Amino acid sequence: MSPSPMIDAQHLNKTFRVAKRRAGRLGSLRSVVDPDVRTVPAVADLSLRIVPGEMIGLIGPNGAGKSTTIKMLTGILTPTSGYIRVAGLDPHRQRREMAARIGVVFGQRSQLWWDLPLSDSLRLLRHLYRVPQSRHEANLTRLRAMLDLDEFLDTPVRQLSLGQRMRGDLAAALLHDPELLYLDEPTIGLDVVAKARIRTFLRDINTQQGVTVVLTTHDMDDIEALCRRMVIVDHGRKLYDGEVAAIRERFGGERTIIAELDESEIARLPRDDHGQPLLADLPAGIRQIEAEPPHIALSFTRDSMLAPELVAWLGARHRLRDVTFSEPRIEDVIRRIYEEGLLLHEPAPVS
């Protein structure tokens, strides 16, 4: 028997009524007394089912409908039409109960008090969420260790670095033991070390504590590092809902194989106009893209030849010392989907 969904949204639609401005002073007055209103769709017929313990990436370009979707899921906005339940609750009608079950972190906003030390902000949040003292102390002790908060716990929030503030915001969002965590650009502006620390923390709370995580981001490295499942939206519609690995498989384009040849092999190869070694008589669809002896890089597509076949072809003609493969970056795959307008047929969601 499949578990009850943490998020169950069916055929969600959200439209906004926007008044057009009219040119000139008289036009501005008429816009007030007799507005010309148009309806703008933000989310269109979007369905989403997330089971407890999943961590999914919700991605799309600016204006795709991600933020509007999250606001409906958290109860900030009411859908124009459609069905929605989060942790068994109607998010908009049961907002107080909803707040106790979820945590929210927005990368460019903070729920911490700017002029107070971080410790005071976390203490105030205990009262806002009505967390018992013993439970708050146990959770804070655990989060201090996981996020390494002690070095800046008594520092005013306004003096924290971006990475430190983000760790503080994560602690604030999780002090009341939410079942579901929404993250909007949690690593934006962070350096490599800070990003790695945040990703490790998110992976731990998901795998060790079973917290369901919905991550919206433009950083595709976050998606690859954390999420097995990805949902792509554009113009308010869901284009894809499935495994991250599967979308690279379908739309990844060219792959790269780097062959390390024996030095004697390199010496006897023909050379191009720049004196770089060339592999001759390559199969159709295979092209040499770089040579830095003793390494030669070849590009190929899945349509032209399978990787094992290419390795076998190389091994039959050259003395190979090593072979490595490079998959296309998921960021490049997503960019290709948007730029080329590829139509994605939705596969079955990951169970």
Protein backbone atom coordinates (compact mmCIF):
# COMPACT_ATOMS: atom_id res chain seq x y z
CA MET A 1 0.00 0.00 0.00
CA SER A 2 1.48 3.35 -1.04
CA PRO A 3 1.86 6.00 1.69
CA SER A 4 -0.51 8.95 1.87
CA PRO A 5 1.02 11.85 -0.06
CA MET A 6 2.68 14.68 1.79
CA ILE A 7 1.60 16.95 -1.08
CA ASP A 8 -1.39 16.16 -3.28
CA ALA A 9 -2.22 18.86 -5.80
CA GLN A 10 -4.57 18.18 -8.70
CA HIS A 11 -5.25 20.46 -11.68
CA LEU A 12 -4.14 23.66 -9.92
CA ASN A 13 -4.85 26.92 -11.69
CA LYS A 14 -3.98 30.43 -10.57
CA THR A 15 -4.82 33.57 -12.50
CA PHE A 16 -4.28 37.22 -11.59
CA ARG A 17 -6.35 40.19 -12.70
CA VAL A 18 -4.09 43.01 -13.86
CA ALA A 19 -5.27 46.52 -14.76
CA LYS A 20 -3.74 48.02 -17.89
CA ARG A 21 -2.43 51.57 -17.59
CA ARG A 22 -3.62 54.06 -20.19
CA ALA A 23 -1.38 56.72 -21.67
CA GLY A 24 -1.64 60.38 -20.62
CA ARG A 25 -3.07 62.13 -17.53
CA LEU A 26 -6.67 61.54 -18.62
CA GLY A 27 -5.81 57.91 -19.30
CA SER A 28 -4.42 57.51 -15.78
CA LEU A 29 -7.66 58.87 -14.29
CA ARG A 30 -9.77 56.57 -16.48
CA SER A 31 -7.63 53.61 -15.37
CA VAL A 32 -8.83 54.24 -11.81
CA VAL A 33 -12.54 54.82 -12.47
CA ASP A 34 -12.90 52.49 -15.46
CA PRO A 35 -9.98 50.01 -15.41
CA ASP A 36 -9.20 47.86 -18.40
CA VAL A 37 -8.54 44.54 -16.67
CA ARG A 38 -6.92 41.50 -18.21
CA THR A 39 -6.51 38.04 -16.74
CA VAL A 40 -2.96 36.67 -16.53
CA PRO A 41 -2.45 32.91 -15.97
CA ALA A 42 0.41 32.11 -13.56
CA VAL A 43 -0.20 28.37 -13.04
CA ALA A 44 -2.20 26.21 -15.45
CA ASP A 45 -3.53 22.70 -14.78
CA LEU A 46 -0.57 21.69 -12.62
CA SER A 47 -0.74 18.39 -10.73
CA LEU A 48 1.86 17.24 -8.24
CA ARG A 49 2.11 14.30 -5.85
CA ILE A 50 4.97 14.06 -3.36
CA VAL A 51 5.25 11.23 -0.84
CA PRO A 52 6.76 11.64 2.66
CA GLY A 53 10.54 11.57 2.70
CA GLU A 54 11.07 12.68 -0.91
CA MET A 55 13.42 15.47 -1.89
CA ILE A 56 12.44 16.98 -5.23
CA GLY A 57 13.74 19.87 -7.30
CA LEU A 58 11.21 22.32 -8.75
CA ILE A 59 12.86 24.28 -11.55
CA GLY A 60 11.98 26.68 -14.33
CA PRO A 61 12.95 30.08 -15.73
CA ASN A 62 11.92 33.34 -14.08
CA GLY A 63 8.15 33.76 -14.41
CA ALA A 64 7.58 30.02 -14.88
CA GLY A 65 5.15 29.78 -11.94
CA LYS A 66 7.45 28.25 -9.30
CA SER A 67 6.92 30.91 -6.65
CA THR A 68 3.16 31.00 -7.25
CA THR A 69 3.03 27.22 -6.87
CA ILE A 70 4.97 27.35 -3.59
CA LYS A 71 2.72 30.13 -2.28
CA MET A 72 -0.36 27.98 -2.99
CA LEU A 73 1.25 24.98 -1.30
CA THR A 74 2.05 27.03 1.81
CA GLY A 75 -1.37 28.70 1.99
CA ILE A 76 -0.22 32.23 1.11
CA LEU A 77 -2.30 32.17 -2.09
CA THR A 78 -5.59 30.46 -2.82
CA PRO A 79 -5.83 28.52 -6.10
CA THR A 80 -8.28 29.92 -8.64
CA SER A 81 -9.36 26.31 -9.13
CA GLY A 82 -8.12 22.83 -8.38
CA TYR A 83 -7.59 20.56 -5.38
CA ILE A 84 -4.74 20.82 -2.90
CA ARG A 85 -3.84 19.06 0.35
CA VAL A 86 -0.54 19.30 2.22
CA ALA A 87 0.01 16.90 5.13
CA GLY A 88 -3.72 16.24 4.91
CA LEU A 89 -4.58 19.93 5.40
CA ASP A 90 -6.08 22.60 3.17
CA PRO A 91 -3.17 25.08 3.19
CA HIS A 92 -5.23 28.27 2.88
CA ARG A 93 -8.15 27.36 5.14
CA GLN A 94 -5.95 25.77 7.82
CA ARG A 95 -2.99 28.14 7.75
CA ARG A 96 -2.31 28.03 11.51
CA GLU A 97 -2.17 24.22 11.54
CA MET A 98 -0.18 24.33 8.31
CA ALA A 99 2.49 26.62 9.79
CA ALA A 100 3.17 24.09 12.54
CA ARG A 101 3.81 21.30 10.01
CA ILE A 102 6.11 23.08 7.53
CA GLY A 103 9.35 25.04 7.44
CA VAL A 104 10.20 27.67 4.81
CA VAL A 105 13.55 29.16 3.83
CA PHE A 106 13.87 31.89 1.21
CA GLY A 107 17.43 32.52 0.10
CA GLN A 108 16.98 36.29 -0.33
CA ARG A 109 14.75 36.86 2.72
CA SER A 110 15.20 36.02 6.37
CA GLN A 111 12.84 35.21 9.23
CA LEU A 112 15.53 36.25 11.73
CA TRP A 113 15.50 39.57 13.62
CA TRP A 114 18.13 41.75 11.97
CA ASP A 115 19.48 43.56 15.06
CA LEU A 116 19.26 40.67 17.52
CA PRO A 117 21.84 37.95 18.11
CA LEU A 118 20.99 34.72 16.36
CA SER A 119 20.38 33.01 19.71
CA ASP A 120 17.66 35.57 20.58
CA SER A 121 15.93 35.03 17.22
CA LEU A 122 15.86 31.28 17.79
CA ARG A 123 14.53 31.81 21.32
CA LEU A 124 11.72 34.07 20.06
CA LEU A 125 10.75 31.52 17.41
CA ARG A 126 10.25 28.95 20.15
CA HIS A 127 7.48 31.12 21.58
CA LEU A 128 5.95 31.87 18.18
CA TYR A 129 5.68 28.15 17.39
CA ARG A 130 4.87 27.28 21.01
CA VAL A 131 7.59 24.65 21.16
CA PRO A 132 8.03 23.12 24.64
CA GLN A 133 11.27 24.18 26.35
CA SER A 134 12.76 20.69 26.54
CA ARG A 135 11.99 19.96 22.89
CA HIS A 136 13.41 23.33 21.81
CA GLU A 137 16.65 22.75 23.73
CA ALA A 138 17.07 19.26 22.26
CA ASN A 139 16.41 20.49 18.71
CA LEU A 140 18.72 23.50 19.12
CA THR A 141 21.52 21.30 20.46
CA ARG A 142 21.19 19.00 17.45
CA LEU A 143 21.02 21.89 14.94
CA ARG A 144 23.97 23.69 16.54
CA ALA A 145 26.08 20.61 15.96
CA MET A 146 24.79 19.86 12.45
CA LEU A 147 25.12 23.45 11.23
CA ASP A 148 28.13 24.47 13.36
CA LEU A 149 26.31 27.50 14.78
CA ASP A 150 28.29 28.06 17.99
CA GLU A 151 30.91 30.34 16.42
CA PHE A 152 28.28 33.02 15.62
CA LEU A 153 25.31 32.18 17.86
CA ASP A 154 25.74 35.42 19.85
CA THR A 155 26.43 37.62 16.81
CA PRO A 156 23.73 40.07 15.60
CA VAL A 157 22.15 38.75 12.40
CA ARG A 158 23.09 41.89 10.45
CA GLN A 159 26.78 41.08 11.05
CA LEU A 160 26.59 37.51 9.77
CA SER A 161 28.00 36.45 6.42
CA LEU A 162 25.51 35.20 3.85
CA GLY A 163 26.50 31.60 4.51
CA GLN A 164 26.17 32.04 8.28
CA ARG A 165 22.76 33.68 7.92
CA MET A 166 21.56 30.86 5.69
CA ARG A 167 22.61 28.31 8.32
CA GLY A 168 20.75 30.37 10.91
CA ASP A 169 17.64 30.47 8.72
CA LEU A 170 17.77 26.70 8.28
CA ALA A 171 17.94 26.26 12.05
CA ALA A 172 15.01 28.65 12.48
CA ALA A 173 12.92 26.74 9.94
CA LEU A 174 13.55 23.37 11.61
CA LEU A 175 13.33 24.19 15.33
CA HIS A 176 9.69 23.10 15.53
CA ASP A 177 10.27 19.71 13.82
CA PRO A 178 8.40 20.35 10.54
CA GLU A 179 7.54 17.36 8.35
CA LEU A 180 8.00 19.38 5.17
CA LEU A 181 10.64 21.96 4.25
CA TYR A 182 10.33 24.42 1.35
CA LEU A 183 13.61 25.90 0.12
CA ASP A 184 13.75 28.78 -2.35
CA GLU A 185 17.29 29.38 -3.67
CA PRO A 186 18.98 28.23 -0.42
CA THR A 187 22.53 28.45 -1.81
CA ILE A 188 22.23 31.68 -3.84
CA GLY A 189 25.36 33.79 -3.52
CA LEU A 190 27.22 31.26 -1.38
CA ASP A 191 30.80 30.18 -1.97
CA VAL A 192 31.73 26.59 -2.77
CA VAL A 193 32.50 25.63 0.84
CA ALA A 194 29.24 27.11 2.18
CA LYS A 195 27.23 25.40 -0.56
CA ALA A 196 28.78 22.03 0.26
CA ARG A 197 27.97 22.45 3.95
CA ILE A 198 24.33 23.35 3.24
CA ARG A 199 23.92 20.43 0.83
CA THR A 200 25.36 17.97 3.36
CA PHE A 201 22.97 19.25 6.00
CA LEU A 202 19.93 18.98 3.72
CA ARG A 203 20.90 15.47 2.68
CA ASP A 204 21.24 14.46 6.34
CA ILE A 205 17.87 15.80 7.51
CA ASN A 206 16.21 14.12 4.53
CA THR A 207 17.83 10.69 4.93
CA GLN A 208 18.19 10.56 8.71
CA GLN A 209 15.04 12.37 9.87
CA GLY A 210 12.76 11.78 6.90
CA VAL A 211 12.00 15.48 6.32
CA THR A 212 10.30 15.97 2.95
CA VAL A 213 12.07 18.71 0.95
CA VAL A 214 10.85 20.80 -1.99
CA LEU A 215 13.76 22.72 -3.49
CA THR A 216 13.42 25.54 -6.02
CA THR A 217 16.71 26.79 -7.44
CA HIS A 218 18.55 28.03 -10.50
CA ASP A 219 21.67 26.18 -9.36
CA MET A 220 21.48 22.87 -11.17
CA ASP A 221 24.40 21.57 -9.11
CA ASP A 222 22.01 21.66 -6.12
CA ILE A 223 19.53 19.52 -8.02
CA GLU A 224 22.14 16.99 -9.10
CA ALA A 225 23.69 16.77 -5.64
CA LEU A 226 20.44 16.42 -3.70
CA CYS A 227 17.45 15.35 -5.78
CA ARG A 228 16.55 12.09 -7.44
CA ARG A 229 13.37 13.59 -8.87
CA MET A 230 12.88 16.84 -10.75
CA VAL A 231 9.80 18.79 -11.85
CA ILE A 232 10.21 21.31 -14.68
CA VAL A 233 7.61 24.06 -15.11
CA ASP A 234 7.36 26.79 -17.72
CA HIS A 235 4.60 29.34 -18.32
CA GLY A 236 2.73 27.81 -15.40
CA ARG A 237 2.58 24.31 -16.90
CA LYS A 238 4.40 21.19 -15.86
CA LEU A 239 6.69 19.98 -18.63
CA TYR A 240 8.41 17.09 -16.89
CA ASP A 241 8.12 15.07 -13.69
CA GLY A 242 10.61 12.27 -13.29
CA GLU A 243 14.15 11.22 -12.46
CA VAL A 244 17.03 13.64 -12.90
CA ALA A 245 19.14 10.91 -14.51
CA ALA A 246 16.40 10.11 -17.04
CA ILE A 247 16.22 13.62 -18.43
CA ARG A 248 19.93 13.64 -19.11
CA GLU A 249 19.54 10.27 -20.80
CA ARG A 250 16.81 11.62 -23.10
CA PHE A 251 18.10 15.09 -23.84
CA GLY A 252 21.76 14.98 -22.89
CA GLY A 253 23.04 15.37 -26.41
CA GLU A 254 26.74 14.71 -26.79
CA ARG A 255 28.90 12.78 -24.33
CA THR A 256 32.67 12.90 -24.08
CA ILE A 257 35.16 10.05 -23.85
CA ILE A 258 38.76 10.80 -22.89
CA ALA A 259 41.18 8.14 -24.04
CA GLU A 260 44.67 7.94 -22.55
CA LEU A 261 46.93 6.30 -25.12
CA ASP A 262 50.27 4.62 -24.75
CA GLU A 263 53.12 7.02 -25.57
CA SER A 264 54.23 4.82 -28.46
CA GLU A 265 50.71 5.15 -29.91
CA ILE A 266 50.78 8.93 -29.61
CA ALA A 267 54.14 9.09 -31.40
CA ARG A 268 52.92 7.27 -34.52
CA LEU A 269 49.60 9.14 -34.95
CA PRO A 270 49.18 11.66 -37.80
CA ARG A 271 49.18 15.36 -36.86
CA ASP A 272 46.93 18.30 -37.67
CA ASP A 273 48.09 21.73 -38.82
CA HIS A 274 48.93 22.66 -35.22
CA GLY A 275 50.97 19.54 -34.61
CA GLN A 276 48.32 17.84 -32.45
CA PRO A 277 47.81 14.06 -32.81
CA LEU A 278 44.74 12.87 -34.72
CA LEU A 279 42.76 9.65 -34.54
CA ALA A 280 42.04 8.67 -38.13
CA ASP A 281 39.01 6.93 -39.67
CA LEU A 282 36.66 7.65 -36.76
CA PRO A 283 33.21 6.01 -37.03
CA ALA A 284 30.29 8.10 -38.24
CA GLY A 285 29.01 10.47 -35.57
CA ILE A 286 32.28 10.43 -33.59
CA ARG A 287 34.51 13.49 -33.68
CA GLN A 288 37.74 14.46 -32.01
CA ILE A 289 37.35 17.65 -29.97
CA GLU A 290 40.66 17.96 -28.15
CA ALA A 291 44.13 16.45 -27.93
CA GLU A 292 46.50 16.95 -25.02
CA PRO A 293 48.93 14.02 -25.22
CA PRO A 294 48.66 11.38 -24.01
CA HIS A 295 44.91 12.21 -23.75
CA ILE A 296 42.54 12.53 -26.70
CA ALA A 297 38.92 13.60 -26.22
CA LEU A 298 36.16 12.37 -28.50
CA SER A 299 32.55 13.51 -28.66
CA PHE A 300 29.70 11.14 -29.49
CA THR A 301 25.93 10.82 -29.14
CA ARG A 302 23.91 7.86 -28.00
CA ASP A 303 22.47 7.67 -31.50
CA SER A 304 25.91 7.31 -33.09
CA MET A 305 27.46 4.62 -30.86
CA LEU A 306 27.12 3.13 -27.40
CA ALA A 307 29.97 3.79 -24.99
CA PRO A 308 31.10 0.13 -24.71
CA GLU A 309 31.16 -0.15 -28.50
CA LEU A 310 33.33 2.96 -28.79
CA VAL A 311 35.75 1.65 -26.16
CA ALA A 312 35.93 -1.68 -28.01
CA TRP A 313 36.59 0.15 -31.30
CA LEU A 314 39.40 2.18 -29.73
CA GLY A 315 40.88 -0.84 -27.97
CA ALA A 316 41.02 -2.83 -31.20
CA ARG A 317 43.07 -0.13 -32.94
CA HIS A 318 45.11 1.58 -30.23
CA ARG A 319 46.95 0.73 -27.04
CA LEU A 320 44.78 2.27 -24.32
CA ARG A 321 46.08 3.01 -20.85
CA ASP A 322 42.82 4.41 -19.47
CA VAL A 323 39.36 5.59 -20.55
CA THR A 324 37.05 8.03 -18.76
CA PHE A 325 33.60 9.40 -19.64
CA SER A 326 32.08 12.82 -19.10
CA GLU A 327 28.30 13.21 -19.02
CA PRO A 328 26.68 16.50 -20.12
CA ARG A 329 25.95 18.86 -17.26
CA ILE A 330 22.30 18.86 -16.26
CA GLU A 331 22.35 22.68 -16.47
CA ASP A 332 23.27 22.45 -20.15
CA VAL A 333 20.53 19.87 -20.73
CA ILE A 334 17.86 22.12 -19.19
CA ARG A 335 19.11 25.12 -21.17
CA ARG A 336 18.81 23.08 -24.37
CA ILE A 337 15.24 22.11 -23.49
CA TYR A 338 14.22 25.76 -23.09
CA GLU A 339 16.18 27.11 -26.06
CA GLU A 340 14.98 24.43 -28.48
CA GLY A 341 11.45 24.24 -27.11
CA LEU A 342 11.61 20.47 -26.71
CA LEU A 343 8.29 18.89 -25.81
CA LEU A 344 8.56 16.65 -22.78
CA HIS A 345 6.07 13.86 -22.28
CA GLU A 346 5.60 13.30 -18.60
CA PRO A 347 6.81 9.91 -17.33
CA ALA A 348 5.46 8.20 -14.25
CA PRO A 349 6.54 9.98 -11.04
CA VAL A 350 9.26 8.37 -8.96
CA SER A 351 7.76 6.21 -6.22
